[in-house]
Each structure stands twice: as structure tokens, then as C-alpha cells.
Protein backbone atom coordinates (compact mmCIF):
# COMPACT_ATOMS: atom_id res chain seq x y z
CA MET A 1 86.93 -68.01 -11.56
CA THR A 2 88.64 -68.93 -8.33
CA SER A 3 90.54 -72.16 -7.95
CA HIS A 4 90.68 -74.13 -4.73
CA GLN A 5 92.60 -77.21 -5.81
CA PRO A 6 95.85 -77.38 -7.76
CA SER A 7 95.35 -78.46 -11.35
CA ALA A 8 97.46 -81.02 -13.11
CA HIS A 9 99.61 -78.11 -14.26
CA GLN A 10 100.03 -76.49 -10.83
CA PRO A 11 101.99 -78.33 -8.16
CA SER A 12 100.54 -78.04 -4.69
CA ALA A 13 102.59 -76.87 -1.76
CA HIS A 14 102.85 -80.51 -0.69
CA GLN A 15 103.76 -82.05 -4.06
CA PRO A 16 106.85 -80.61 -5.74
CA SER A 17 106.87 -80.53 -9.53
CA ALA A 18 109.63 -82.04 -11.59
CA HIS A 19 111.23 -78.58 -11.59
CA GLN A 20 111.15 -78.09 -7.82
CA SER A 21 113.19 -79.79 -5.20
CA PRO A 22 111.30 -81.12 -2.20
CA ALA A 23 110.97 -78.81 0.77
CA PRO A 24 113.45 -79.56 3.54
CA THR A 25 112.01 -81.50 6.41
CA SER A 26 111.69 -79.78 9.75
CA PRO A 27 111.34 -81.11 13.26
CA ALA A 28 107.89 -82.12 14.44
CA PRO A 29 105.75 -79.15 15.45
CA THR A 30 105.30 -78.53 19.16
CA LYS A 31 101.63 -77.66 18.83
CA PRO A 32 98.82 -79.05 16.66
CA SER A 33 98.97 -78.08 13.01
CA ALA A 34 95.94 -76.60 11.32
CA HIS A 35 96.67 -78.98 8.44
CA GLN A 36 95.22 -81.73 10.57
CA PRO A 37 91.43 -81.92 10.15
CA SER A 38 90.52 -81.57 13.81
CA ALA A 39 89.54 -78.82 16.19
CA HIS A 40 92.06 -76.79 18.13
CA GLN A 41 90.55 -77.14 21.60
CA PRO A 42 89.67 -73.96 23.46
CA SER A 43 91.54 -73.44 26.71
CA ALA A 44 89.71 -73.52 30.05
CA HIS A 45 89.28 -69.72 30.07
CA GLN A 46 87.62 -69.59 26.64
CA PRO A 47 83.88 -70.20 26.24
CA ASP A 48 82.78 -73.24 24.26
CA ASP A 49 81.07 -71.00 21.69
CA ASP A 50 84.28 -69.24 20.71
CA LEU A 51 85.42 -71.50 17.84
CA ILE A 52 86.29 -70.21 14.40
CA LEU A 53 85.25 -72.63 11.65
CA ILE A 54 87.42 -72.73 8.53
CA THR A 55 85.58 -74.54 5.74
CA GLY A 56 88.10 -75.93 3.31
CA GLY A 57 90.58 -75.73 6.17
CA THR A 58 92.91 -78.25 4.55
CA GLY A 59 92.85 -76.44 1.18
CA LYS A 60 95.14 -73.80 -0.28
CA THR A 61 93.79 -70.67 1.44
CA GLY A 62 91.92 -72.28 4.33
CA ARG A 63 95.06 -74.04 5.52
CA ARG A 64 96.97 -70.73 5.65
CA ILE A 65 94.22 -68.96 7.55
CA ALA A 66 93.86 -71.85 10.00
CA ASP A 67 97.62 -71.90 10.60
CA ARG A 68 97.62 -68.19 11.44
CA LEU A 69 94.63 -68.48 13.79
CA VAL A 70 96.15 -71.45 15.62
CA ALA A 71 99.48 -69.60 15.90
CA ARG A 72 97.60 -66.75 17.61
CA GLY A 73 96.08 -69.25 20.05
CA LEU A 74 92.55 -68.88 18.71
CA PRO A 75 90.26 -71.91 18.98
CA THR A 76 89.85 -73.19 15.43
CA ARG A 77 87.80 -75.96 13.85
CA ILE A 78 88.94 -77.28 10.49
CA GLY A 79 85.96 -77.94 8.25
CA SER A 80 86.76 -80.81 5.89
CA ARG A 81 85.31 -84.15 4.86
CA ALA A 82 88.02 -85.87 6.91
CA GLY A 83 87.53 -83.58 9.92
CA SER A 84 85.85 -84.33 13.19
CA PRO A 85 83.06 -83.43 12.94
CA ALA A 86 83.10 -83.93 9.19
CA PHE A 87 82.09 -81.01 6.97
CA ASP A 88 80.94 -81.37 3.37
CA TRP A 89 79.16 -78.70 1.35
CA GLU A 90 77.06 -81.44 -0.25
CA GLU A 91 75.94 -82.93 3.11
CA PRO A 92 73.76 -80.34 4.90
CA ALA A 93 72.85 -82.91 7.57
CA GLY A 94 76.40 -82.57 8.94
CA TRP A 95 76.48 -78.78 9.06
CA ALA A 96 74.92 -78.47 12.54
CA ALA A 97 77.71 -80.53 14.11
CA ALA A 98 80.39 -78.45 12.36
CA LEU A 99 78.68 -75.22 13.51
CA ARG A 100 78.26 -76.24 17.15
CA GLY A 101 80.18 -73.81 19.37
CA VAL A 102 81.25 -71.60 16.43
CA ARG A 103 81.23 -67.79 16.68
CA ALA A 104 82.77 -67.04 13.28
CA ALA A 105 83.28 -68.92 10.02
CA TYR A 106 85.49 -68.54 6.96
CA LEU A 107 83.67 -69.95 3.93
CA SER A 108 85.68 -71.39 1.09
CA TYR A 109 83.17 -73.06 -1.22
CA TYR A 110 84.36 -76.13 -3.10
CA PRO A 111 84.75 -76.58 -6.00
CA ASP A 112 83.99 -72.96 -7.00
CA LEU A 113 81.31 -70.29 -6.57
CA ALA A 114 80.75 -70.30 -10.34
CA VAL A 115 79.37 -73.85 -10.22
CA PRO A 116 75.59 -73.93 -10.73
CA GLY A 117 73.85 -74.16 -7.35
CA ALA A 118 76.83 -72.84 -5.37
CA ALA A 119 75.13 -69.60 -4.33
CA SER A 120 72.04 -71.41 -3.05
CA THR A 121 74.22 -73.86 -1.10
CA VAL A 122 76.22 -71.01 0.42
CA ALA A 123 72.95 -69.19 1.25
CA ALA A 124 71.57 -72.28 3.00
CA PHE A 125 74.79 -72.71 4.97
CA ALA A 126 74.90 -69.03 5.94
CA ALA A 127 71.29 -69.23 7.19
CA ALA A 128 72.10 -72.40 9.16
CA ALA A 129 75.18 -70.72 10.62
CA VAL A 130 73.27 -67.66 11.82
CA GLU A 131 70.55 -69.91 13.25
CA ALA A 132 73.28 -71.83 15.12
CA GLY A 133 74.57 -68.60 16.66
CA VAL A 134 77.47 -67.76 14.34
CA ARG A 135 78.00 -63.99 14.53
CA ARG A 136 80.52 -63.40 11.73
CA LEU A 137 80.81 -64.92 8.24
CA VAL A 138 83.63 -64.31 5.76
CA LEU A 139 83.35 -65.66 2.20
CA LEU A 140 86.27 -66.31 -0.12
CA SER A 141 85.01 -64.93 -3.41
CA GLY A 142 86.04 -63.89 -6.89
CA ARG A 143 85.93 -60.21 -7.81
CA GLY A 144 83.59 -59.42 -10.70
CA GLU A 145 82.14 -62.91 -11.06
CA PRO A 146 78.32 -62.82 -11.29
CA ALA A 147 77.89 -66.15 -9.44
CA ALA A 148 80.30 -65.02 -6.74
CA ALA A 149 78.34 -61.77 -6.33
CA GLU A 150 75.17 -63.82 -5.84
CA ALA A 151 76.86 -65.87 -3.08
CA GLU A 152 78.23 -62.67 -1.49
CA LEU A 153 74.73 -61.17 -1.36
CA ALA A 154 73.39 -64.37 0.21
CA VAL A 155 76.02 -64.24 2.96
CA GLN A 156 75.42 -60.52 3.56
CA SER A 157 71.66 -61.14 3.78
CA ALA A 158 71.99 -63.98 6.30
CA GLY A 159 72.12 -61.62 9.27
CA ALA A 160 75.69 -62.07 10.53
CA GLU A 161 78.44 -59.44 10.56
């Protein structure tokens, strides 16, 4: 089973445990951080449909991917409940706004692909993404997990790369 949130026994990167000293503070970044739930705006020479959506973009893996994309200057939208537009796996009515202008999406399902109903939710999102014009979908999955394999098949069957 994959884990997307730190448990009570695992400190997150932002909350040191009793055995860790806090990370040293650094000067304010000079460009927007992917940790912030907002879109990195495309520059004037990039088409509006060139965004990369990172669902779970404020989570453990999504945050790292978003940081790397932003560092490369790629237009990135952070998909999170606090984002603008907001993204929530349990609120399909908001998916269209999150997918507007997106060419590729990284899917990190919360809480886990092993949760009953996860594969059907991922399938519905993948279908909505392809219908919205998304050309590439990448799913964070768990090797050898039957429920994860079902979600993988749903994404592969959606019609994107």
C-alpha cells in the first residue's frame, strides 16, 4: 500500500520529530514555490493549454515533482483542496476547472489506491481529463497491488499517452 501522508510515527519534511533538529531557515525564494497551492503562470510565449497539473501537489511526492517542474520553468498547476482552482478527488464538479488549459497531469490519488472506489474515481477523472484535452496522464501507483493495477488499467484505457 502506498502512503501519501505522514503517519503519527513518521515526521513530515515540515515537522521535525523529537529526534530531529529543525531545518535551517533560508532566505525567501526568488520565484514562486510549488508548495503554494496556485498555478505557475505560463509566460507570454507559452500557449494557455500547456499547463501540467499535479494532483496532490502539496503532498510528499507531488510537492517534489512540482518543485522540479517549476525549477525548469514549466507552467504548473498545483491540484489541492486549497488551490485555485480547488481540486478534490471527492468533488468531480471541480475537476473541469482544474483541467482547464492542462496538457499533462500527474495523478496522486488520496488517500490511497487501495481504498474501495479509488479505481473508479481515478477512471472517471482520467476520462474527464482526456475529454478536456489532456494528452498525457501519469499515475503514482503501488507495484503488485491489485487495486492499484485496476487504477493503472483505467488510466491506460482513457486514451491519453
